[in-house]
Amino acid sequence: MKVLMVCLGNICRSPIAEGVLQKKCKEAGLNWSVDSAGTNGYHDGERPHPTSQMVCKLNGVDISNQRSRTFIKQDFNDFDLIIPMAEDVMREIQYIAREKYDQEKVKLLLNYSFPGTNLDVPDPWARSEAAFHEVYSLIEHACEVLIESNTSTKQP
């Protein structure tokens, strides 16, 4: 399984989601490929936000080697799941991908935790440290459900 986490700038939410999902996959013995991207490209090549890095490190996740990159339409060929952090990001993905857009591959992250609600992971940029902790918690739970829903062997 190849999963791409996507937010606006790829320095706050999606790097956390990439790091958390990678850690959980490793713990579960899953050989998944996880990456992240942003839709605006303003931070291409930059490391994750310092507070994102700090909050992850406090939770045993090292995201310091990640670098921001821009989401491209080719990502629909390269990934099985494309997970936007928010509805505005999902619309940008659709706009960027145009004819490559495949709604079967796209699911808002918090729909794993709260099915059918279309809730956004709040953008913690320029907010308090507490906002980053809240985002980490939301992402962590959603990643647990994402793994469970994609590895379940339960039969109907």
N, C-alpha and C. Protein backbone atom coordinates (compact mmCIF):
# COMPACT_ATOMS: atom_id res chain seq x y z
N MET A 1 0.86 -1.18 0.00
CA MET A 1 0.00 0.00 0.00
C MET A 1 0.90 1.23 0.00
N LYS A 2 0.56 2.16 -0.86
CA LYS A 2 1.29 3.43 -0.94
C LYS A 2 0.31 4.55 -0.59
N VAL A 3 0.66 5.33 0.45
CA VAL A 3 -0.24 6.35 0.99
C VAL A 3 0.43 7.71 0.93
N LEU A 4 -0.30 8.71 0.46
CA LEU A 4 0.18 10.09 0.42
C LEU A 4 -0.71 10.97 1.29
N MET A 5 -0.10 11.60 2.28
CA MET A 5 -0.79 12.55 3.16
C MET A 5 -0.60 13.95 2.57
N VAL A 6 -1.69 14.74 2.48
CA VAL A 6 -1.59 16.04 1.82
C VAL A 6 -2.24 17.13 2.66
N CYS A 7 -1.52 18.24 2.81
CA CYS A 7 -2.10 19.44 3.42
C CYS A 7 -1.73 20.63 2.54
N LEU A 8 -1.85 21.81 3.05
CA LEU A 8 -1.63 23.02 2.26
C LEU A 8 -0.15 23.24 1.95
N GLY A 9 0.67 23.38 2.99
CA GLY A 9 2.07 23.73 2.78
C GLY A 9 3.05 22.59 2.98
N ASN A 10 2.58 21.46 3.49
CA ASN A 10 3.42 20.29 3.76
C ASN A 10 4.51 20.58 4.77
N ILE A 11 4.15 21.40 5.79
CA ILE A 11 5.10 21.64 6.89
C ILE A 11 4.48 21.40 8.27
N CYS A 12 3.16 21.29 8.36
CA CYS A 12 2.53 21.09 9.68
C CYS A 12 1.80 19.76 9.76
N ARG A 13 0.61 19.68 9.17
CA ARG A 13 -0.26 18.51 9.33
C ARG A 13 0.23 17.28 8.59
N SER A 14 0.49 17.40 7.29
CA SER A 14 0.86 16.20 6.53
C SER A 14 2.20 15.60 6.94
N PRO A 15 3.20 16.38 7.35
CA PRO A 15 4.42 15.74 7.85
C PRO A 15 4.17 14.94 9.13
N ILE A 16 3.31 15.49 10.01
CA ILE A 16 2.95 14.74 11.22
C ILE A 16 2.28 13.44 10.81
N ALA A 17 1.32 13.53 9.89
CA ALA A 17 0.58 12.35 9.45
C ALA A 17 1.52 11.32 8.80
N GLU A 18 2.46 11.78 8.00
CA GLU A 18 3.43 10.87 7.38
C GLU A 18 4.22 10.15 8.45
N GLY A 19 4.76 10.89 9.40
CA GLY A 19 5.58 10.30 10.46
C GLY A 19 4.80 9.33 11.34
N VAL A 20 3.59 9.72 11.72
CA VAL A 20 2.75 8.88 12.57
C VAL A 20 2.39 7.58 11.84
N LEU A 21 1.95 7.69 10.59
CA LEU A 21 1.55 6.49 9.86
C LEU A 21 2.76 5.58 9.62
N GLN A 22 3.92 6.16 9.32
CA GLN A 22 5.12 5.33 9.15
C GLN A 22 5.43 4.55 10.42
N LYS A 23 5.36 5.22 11.56
CA LYS A 23 5.64 4.56 12.84
C LYS A 23 4.64 3.44 13.10
N LYS A 24 3.36 3.72 12.88
CA LYS A 24 2.33 2.72 13.14
C LYS A 24 2.44 1.53 12.18
N CYS A 25 2.81 1.79 10.94
CA CYS A 25 3.01 0.70 9.98
C CYS A 25 4.18 -0.18 10.42
N LYS A 26 5.25 0.45 10.84
CA LYS A 26 6.41 -0.31 11.30
C LYS A 26 6.04 -1.17 12.50
N GLU A 27 5.33 -0.58 13.45
CA GLU A 27 4.90 -1.33 14.65
C GLU A 27 3.99 -2.50 14.29
N ALA A 28 3.18 -2.33 13.24
CA ALA A 28 2.24 -3.37 12.82
C ALA A 28 2.87 -4.37 11.84
N GLY A 29 4.13 -4.15 11.49
CA GLY A 29 4.81 -5.04 10.57
C GLY A 29 4.33 -4.90 9.13
N LEU A 30 3.81 -3.72 8.80
CA LEU A 30 3.31 -3.48 7.45
C LEU A 30 4.40 -2.83 6.59
N ASN A 31 4.52 -3.29 5.37
CA ASN A 31 5.50 -2.74 4.45
C ASN A 31 4.85 -1.70 3.54
N TRP A 32 4.25 -0.69 4.16
CA TRP A 32 3.60 0.37 3.40
C TRP A 32 4.61 1.47 3.10
N SER A 33 4.39 2.16 2.01
CA SER A 33 5.17 3.34 1.66
C SER A 33 4.30 4.55 1.99
N VAL A 34 4.85 5.48 2.76
CA VAL A 34 4.10 6.66 3.18
C VAL A 34 4.90 7.91 2.83
N ASP A 35 4.23 8.89 2.25
CA ASP A 35 4.87 10.15 1.87
C ASP A 35 3.89 11.27 2.19
N SER A 36 4.34 12.50 2.00
CA SER A 36 3.44 13.64 2.19
C SER A 36 3.77 14.72 1.16
N ALA A 37 2.79 15.62 0.96
CA ALA A 37 2.95 16.70 -0.01
C ALA A 37 2.03 17.85 0.39
N GLY A 38 2.23 18.98 -0.24
CA GLY A 38 1.38 20.15 -0.03
C GLY A 38 0.85 20.65 -1.35
N THR A 39 -0.27 21.33 -1.31
CA THR A 39 -0.87 21.79 -2.56
C THR A 39 -0.37 23.16 -3.01
N ASN A 40 0.27 23.94 -2.12
CA ASN A 40 0.63 25.29 -2.55
C ASN A 40 2.08 25.50 -2.94
N GLY A 41 2.98 24.64 -2.56
CA GLY A 41 4.38 24.77 -2.99
C GLY A 41 5.17 25.89 -2.35
N TYR A 42 4.58 26.63 -1.42
CA TYR A 42 5.28 27.76 -0.80
C TYR A 42 6.50 27.34 0.00
N HIS A 43 6.51 26.12 0.48
CA HIS A 43 7.57 25.67 1.38
C HIS A 43 8.42 24.56 0.79
N ASP A 44 8.40 24.39 -0.53
CA ASP A 44 9.14 23.30 -1.16
C ASP A 44 10.58 23.24 -0.65
N GLY A 45 10.99 22.04 -0.25
CA GLY A 45 12.34 21.81 0.22
C GLY A 45 12.57 22.10 1.68
N GLU A 46 11.59 22.68 2.35
CA GLU A 46 11.75 23.03 3.77
C GLU A 46 11.46 21.83 4.66
N ARG A 47 12.05 21.87 5.86
CA ARG A 47 11.76 20.87 6.89
C ARG A 47 10.39 21.19 7.49
N PRO A 48 9.81 20.21 8.18
CA PRO A 48 8.53 20.48 8.86
C PRO A 48 8.66 21.62 9.87
N HIS A 49 7.54 22.24 10.17
CA HIS A 49 7.47 23.31 11.16
C HIS A 49 8.16 22.85 12.44
N PRO A 50 8.93 23.73 13.09
CA PRO A 50 9.64 23.34 14.31
C PRO A 50 8.72 22.75 15.39
N THR A 51 7.51 23.30 15.53
CA THR A 51 6.61 22.77 16.55
C THR A 51 6.06 21.40 16.14
N SER A 52 5.84 21.17 14.85
CA SER A 52 5.46 19.83 14.39
C SER A 52 6.56 18.83 14.74
N GLN A 53 7.80 19.21 14.48
CA GLN A 53 8.93 18.34 14.81
C GLN A 53 8.99 18.06 16.31
N MET A 54 8.81 19.09 17.12
CA MET A 54 8.91 18.94 18.57
C MET A 54 7.82 18.02 19.11
N VAL A 55 6.58 18.25 18.68
CA VAL A 55 5.46 17.44 19.16
C VAL A 55 5.63 15.99 18.72
N CYS A 56 6.08 15.78 17.51
CA CYS A 56 6.33 14.41 17.05
C CYS A 56 7.42 13.76 17.90
N LYS A 57 8.51 14.49 18.11
CA LYS A 57 9.62 13.94 18.89
C LYS A 57 9.17 13.55 20.30
N LEU A 58 8.33 14.37 20.92
CA LEU A 58 7.78 14.05 22.24
C LEU A 58 6.98 12.75 22.23
N ASN A 59 6.48 12.38 21.05
CA ASN A 59 5.68 11.16 20.90
C ASN A 59 6.46 10.03 20.22
N GLY A 60 7.78 10.18 20.17
CA GLY A 60 8.63 9.11 19.62
C GLY A 60 8.64 9.02 18.11
N VAL A 61 8.33 10.12 17.43
CA VAL A 61 8.30 10.14 15.97
C VAL A 61 9.29 11.21 15.48
N ASP A 62 10.25 10.81 14.65
CA ASP A 62 11.23 11.75 14.12
C ASP A 62 10.87 12.13 12.69
N ILE A 63 10.51 13.39 12.48
CA ILE A 63 10.16 13.86 11.13
C ILE A 63 11.18 14.88 10.62
N SER A 64 12.30 15.00 11.32
CA SER A 64 13.28 16.05 11.00
C SER A 64 13.92 15.90 9.62
N ASN A 65 13.92 14.71 9.06
CA ASN A 65 14.53 14.51 7.74
C ASN A 65 13.56 14.71 6.59
N GLN A 66 12.30 14.94 6.89
CA GLN A 66 11.33 15.18 5.82
C GLN A 66 11.59 16.53 5.16
N ARG A 67 11.21 16.64 3.88
CA ARG A 67 11.29 17.90 3.15
C ARG A 67 9.98 18.09 2.40
N SER A 68 9.48 19.30 2.43
CA SER A 68 8.22 19.62 1.77
C SER A 68 8.35 19.47 0.26
N ARG A 69 7.25 19.01 -0.34
CA ARG A 69 7.17 18.95 -1.80
C ARG A 69 5.75 19.27 -2.21
N THR A 70 5.59 19.62 -3.47
CA THR A 70 4.28 19.97 -4.00
C THR A 70 3.56 18.74 -4.54
N PHE A 71 2.27 18.64 -4.26
CA PHE A 71 1.42 17.61 -4.83
C PHE A 71 1.37 17.81 -6.34
N ILE A 72 1.48 16.72 -7.09
CA ILE A 72 1.38 16.78 -8.56
C ILE A 72 0.38 15.74 -9.05
N LYS A 73 -0.16 15.94 -10.23
CA LYS A 73 -1.17 15.00 -10.75
C LYS A 73 -0.63 13.59 -10.89
N GLN A 74 0.66 13.43 -11.14
CA GLN A 74 1.30 12.12 -11.24
C GLN A 74 1.12 11.30 -9.96
N ASP A 75 0.90 11.99 -8.83
CA ASP A 75 0.71 11.28 -7.56
C ASP A 75 -0.46 10.29 -7.63
N PHE A 76 -1.44 10.55 -8.50
CA PHE A 76 -2.55 9.60 -8.64
C PHE A 76 -2.10 8.28 -9.26
N ASN A 77 -1.04 8.32 -10.05
CA ASN A 77 -0.48 7.08 -10.61
C ASN A 77 0.39 6.35 -9.60
N ASP A 78 1.00 7.12 -8.69
CA ASP A 78 2.01 6.56 -7.80
C ASP A 78 1.50 6.10 -6.44
N PHE A 79 0.28 6.49 -6.05
CA PHE A 79 -0.23 6.16 -4.72
C PHE A 79 -1.57 5.47 -4.79
N ASP A 80 -1.79 4.57 -3.83
CA ASP A 80 -3.07 3.85 -3.71
C ASP A 80 -4.11 4.67 -2.97
N LEU A 81 -3.65 5.43 -1.98
CA LEU A 81 -4.52 6.30 -1.18
C LEU A 81 -3.93 7.69 -1.13
N ILE A 82 -4.76 8.69 -1.34
CA ILE A 82 -4.35 10.08 -1.20
C ILE A 82 -5.26 10.68 -0.13
N ILE A 83 -4.63 11.10 0.98
CA ILE A 83 -5.38 11.49 2.18
C ILE A 83 -5.21 12.98 2.46
N PRO A 84 -6.17 13.81 2.05
CA PRO A 84 -6.11 15.23 2.38
C PRO A 84 -6.48 15.46 3.85
N MET A 85 -5.89 16.51 4.41
CA MET A 85 -6.16 16.86 5.80
C MET A 85 -7.42 17.70 5.95
N ALA A 86 -7.91 18.28 4.84
CA ALA A 86 -9.06 19.19 4.93
C ALA A 86 -9.77 19.27 3.58
N GLU A 87 -11.01 19.74 3.62
CA GLU A 87 -11.81 19.83 2.38
C GLU A 87 -11.21 20.80 1.37
N ASP A 88 -10.64 21.93 1.83
CA ASP A 88 -10.04 22.85 0.88
C ASP A 88 -8.84 22.21 0.18
N VAL A 89 -8.11 21.39 0.90
CA VAL A 89 -6.98 20.66 0.32
C VAL A 89 -7.50 19.64 -0.69
N MET A 90 -8.60 18.98 -0.37
CA MET A 90 -9.19 18.01 -1.30
C MET A 90 -9.60 18.70 -2.60
N ARG A 91 -10.18 19.89 -2.50
CA ARG A 91 -10.57 20.62 -3.71
C ARG A 91 -9.34 21.00 -4.54
N GLU A 92 -8.25 21.38 -3.86
CA GLU A 92 -7.01 21.72 -4.57
C GLU A 92 -6.42 20.49 -5.25
N ILE A 93 -6.49 19.35 -4.59
CA ILE A 93 -6.01 18.10 -5.19
C ILE A 93 -6.79 17.83 -6.48
N GLN A 94 -8.10 17.99 -6.40
CA GLN A 94 -8.95 17.76 -7.56
C GLN A 94 -8.59 18.73 -8.69
N TYR A 95 -8.35 19.98 -8.35
CA TYR A 95 -8.00 21.00 -9.34
C TYR A 95 -6.65 20.68 -10.00
N ILE A 96 -5.66 20.33 -9.17
CA ILE A 96 -4.33 20.04 -9.68
C ILE A 96 -4.34 18.78 -10.56
N ALA A 97 -5.05 17.76 -10.11
CA ALA A 97 -5.04 16.47 -10.81
C ALA A 97 -5.87 16.48 -12.09
N ARG A 98 -6.91 17.30 -12.12
CA ARG A 98 -7.82 17.38 -13.26
C ARG A 98 -8.27 16.00 -13.73
N GLU A 99 -7.93 15.60 -14.94
CA GLU A 99 -8.42 14.33 -15.50
C GLU A 99 -7.87 13.11 -14.78
N LYS A 100 -6.80 13.25 -14.03
CA LYS A 100 -6.22 12.13 -13.28
C LYS A 100 -6.94 11.89 -11.94
N TYR A 101 -7.78 12.84 -11.54
CA TYR A 101 -8.44 12.72 -10.23
C TYR A 101 -9.26 11.44 -10.17
N ASP A 102 -9.06 10.66 -9.11
CA ASP A 102 -9.77 9.41 -8.89
C ASP A 102 -10.35 9.44 -7.48
N GLN A 103 -11.64 9.74 -7.38
CA GLN A 103 -12.26 9.90 -6.06
C GLN A 103 -12.20 8.63 -5.23
N GLU A 104 -12.01 7.48 -5.86
CA GLU A 104 -11.90 6.21 -5.12
C GLU A 104 -10.62 6.15 -4.29
N LYS A 105 -9.62 6.94 -4.67
CA LYS A 105 -8.34 6.94 -3.96
C LYS A 105 -8.27 8.01 -2.87
N VAL A 106 -9.25 8.91 -2.82
CA VAL A 106 -9.18 10.08 -1.94
C VAL A 106 -10.17 9.95 -0.79
N LYS A 107 -9.66 10.15 0.45
CA LYS A 107 -10.52 10.14 1.62
C LYS A 107 -9.95 11.10 2.65
N LEU A 108 -10.78 12.01 3.13
CA LEU A 108 -10.35 12.93 4.19
C LEU A 108 -9.89 12.13 5.40
N LEU A 109 -8.78 12.54 5.99
CA LEU A 109 -8.19 11.78 7.10
C LEU A 109 -9.17 11.56 8.25
N LEU A 110 -9.87 12.61 8.66
CA LEU A 110 -10.73 12.46 9.84
C LEU A 110 -11.99 11.66 9.55
N ASN A 111 -12.27 11.34 8.29
CA ASN A 111 -13.39 10.44 8.01
C ASN A 111 -13.08 9.02 8.48
N TYR A 112 -11.81 8.72 8.73
CA TYR A 112 -11.48 7.43 9.34
C TYR A 112 -11.95 7.41 10.79
N SER A 113 -11.74 8.50 11.51
CA SER A 113 -12.15 8.57 12.92
C SER A 113 -13.63 8.88 13.08
N PHE A 114 -14.13 9.73 12.20
CA PHE A 114 -15.51 10.21 12.29
C PHE A 114 -16.19 10.05 10.93
N PRO A 115 -16.57 8.81 10.58
CA PRO A 115 -17.09 8.52 9.23
C PRO A 115 -18.21 9.46 8.78
N GLY A 116 -18.05 9.93 7.55
CA GLY A 116 -19.08 10.74 6.91
C GLY A 116 -19.22 12.16 7.40
N THR A 117 -18.33 12.61 8.29
CA THR A 117 -18.47 13.96 8.84
C THR A 117 -17.73 15.02 8.03
N ASN A 118 -16.75 14.61 7.23
CA ASN A 118 -15.93 15.53 6.44
C ASN A 118 -15.29 16.63 7.28
N LEU A 119 -14.84 16.27 8.48
CA LEU A 119 -14.16 17.22 9.36
C LEU A 119 -12.74 17.47 8.89
N ASP A 120 -12.27 18.69 9.09
CA ASP A 120 -10.89 19.05 8.76
C ASP A 120 -9.98 18.81 9.96
N VAL A 121 -8.76 18.39 9.70
CA VAL A 121 -7.72 18.46 10.72
C VAL A 121 -7.38 19.95 10.80
N PRO A 122 -7.55 20.59 11.96
CA PRO A 122 -7.30 22.03 12.04
C PRO A 122 -5.84 22.36 11.68
N ASP A 123 -5.65 23.45 10.97
CA ASP A 123 -4.30 23.87 10.61
C ASP A 123 -3.68 24.57 11.82
N PRO A 124 -2.60 24.01 12.40
CA PRO A 124 -2.02 24.61 13.60
C PRO A 124 -1.04 25.74 13.31
N TRP A 125 -0.73 25.98 12.03
CA TRP A 125 0.25 26.99 11.68
C TRP A 125 -0.13 28.33 12.32
N ALA A 126 0.85 28.99 12.92
CA ALA A 126 0.68 30.30 13.57
C ALA A 126 -0.27 30.23 14.77
N ARG A 127 -0.44 29.03 15.33
CA ARG A 127 -1.25 28.88 16.53
C ARG A 127 -0.35 28.40 17.66
N SER A 128 -0.95 28.12 18.80
CA SER A 128 -0.18 27.74 19.98
C SER A 128 0.36 26.32 19.87
N GLU A 129 1.29 26.00 20.75
CA GLU A 129 1.81 24.64 20.82
C GLU A 129 0.69 23.65 21.11
N ALA A 130 -0.27 24.05 21.91
CA ALA A 130 -1.41 23.18 22.23
C ALA A 130 -2.15 22.74 20.97
N ALA A 131 -2.24 23.62 19.99
CA ALA A 131 -2.91 23.28 18.73
C ALA A 131 -2.19 22.15 18.02
N PHE A 132 -0.86 22.15 18.08
CA PHE A 132 -0.08 21.08 17.45
C PHE A 132 -0.29 19.75 18.18
N HIS A 133 -0.41 19.81 19.51
CA HIS A 133 -0.68 18.60 20.28
C HIS A 133 -2.07 18.04 19.91
N GLU A 134 -3.04 18.93 19.77
CA GLU A 134 -4.39 18.51 19.38
C GLU A 134 -4.37 17.84 18.00
N VAL A 135 -3.66 18.45 17.07
CA VAL A 135 -3.55 17.91 15.72
C VAL A 135 -2.88 16.54 15.76
N TYR A 136 -1.82 16.41 16.54
CA TYR A 136 -1.13 15.13 16.65
C TYR A 136 -2.10 14.05 17.13
N SER A 137 -2.86 14.35 18.14
CA SER A 137 -3.81 13.39 18.70
C SER A 137 -4.86 12.96 17.68
N LEU A 138 -5.42 13.93 16.96
CA LEU A 138 -6.41 13.63 15.92
C LEU A 138 -5.81 12.74 14.83
N ILE A 139 -4.63 13.08 14.40
CA ILE A 139 -3.95 12.33 13.35
C ILE A 139 -3.62 10.92 13.82
N GLU A 140 -3.13 10.80 15.04
CA GLU A 140 -2.75 9.49 15.56
C GLU A 140 -3.93 8.53 15.56
N HIS A 141 -5.07 8.98 16.06
CA HIS A 141 -6.25 8.11 16.09
C HIS A 141 -6.70 7.75 14.68
N ALA A 142 -6.76 8.73 13.79
CA ALA A 142 -7.21 8.47 12.42
C ALA A 142 -6.27 7.48 11.72
N CYS A 143 -4.98 7.57 11.97
CA CYS A 143 -4.03 6.64 11.35
C CYS A 143 -4.23 5.22 11.87
N GLU A 144 -4.57 5.08 13.13
CA GLU A 144 -4.87 3.75 13.68
C GLU A 144 -6.06 3.14 12.94
N VAL A 145 -7.10 3.93 12.74
CA VAL A 145 -8.30 3.43 12.05
C VAL A 145 -8.02 3.18 10.58
N LEU A 146 -7.21 4.04 9.96
CA LEU A 146 -6.82 3.86 8.56
C LEU A 146 -6.15 2.49 8.38
N ILE A 147 -5.20 2.18 9.25
CA ILE A 147 -4.52 0.88 9.16
C ILE A 147 -5.51 -0.25 9.38
N GLU A 148 -6.32 -0.13 10.41
CA GLU A 148 -7.29 -1.17 10.72
C GLU A 148 -8.24 -1.42 9.55
N SER A 149 -8.73 -0.35 8.94
CA SER A 149 -9.70 -0.49 7.86
C SER A 149 -9.08 -1.03 6.57
N ASN A 150 -7.76 -0.92 6.44
CA ASN A 150 -7.09 -1.41 5.24
C ASN A 150 -6.35 -2.73 5.45
N THR A 151 -6.45 -3.30 6.65
CA THR A 151 -5.81 -4.58 6.92
C THR A 151 -6.78 -5.58 7.52
N SER A 152 -8.00 -5.17 7.75
CA SER A 152 -9.00 -6.05 8.37
C SER A 152 -9.27 -7.26 7.49
N THR A 153 -9.32 -8.41 8.14
CA THR A 153 -9.64 -9.65 7.41
C THR A 153 -11.04 -10.12 7.75
N LYS A 154 -11.80 -9.27 8.44
CA LYS A 154 -13.18 -9.62 8.79
C LYS A 154 -14.01 -9.82 7.53
N GLN A 155 -14.85 -10.81 7.54
CA GLN A 155 -15.73 -11.04 6.41
C GLN A 155 -17.15 -10.62 6.79
N PRO A 156 -17.89 -10.09 5.82
CA PRO A 156 -19.24 -9.60 6.13
C PRO A 156 -20.18 -10.72 6.54
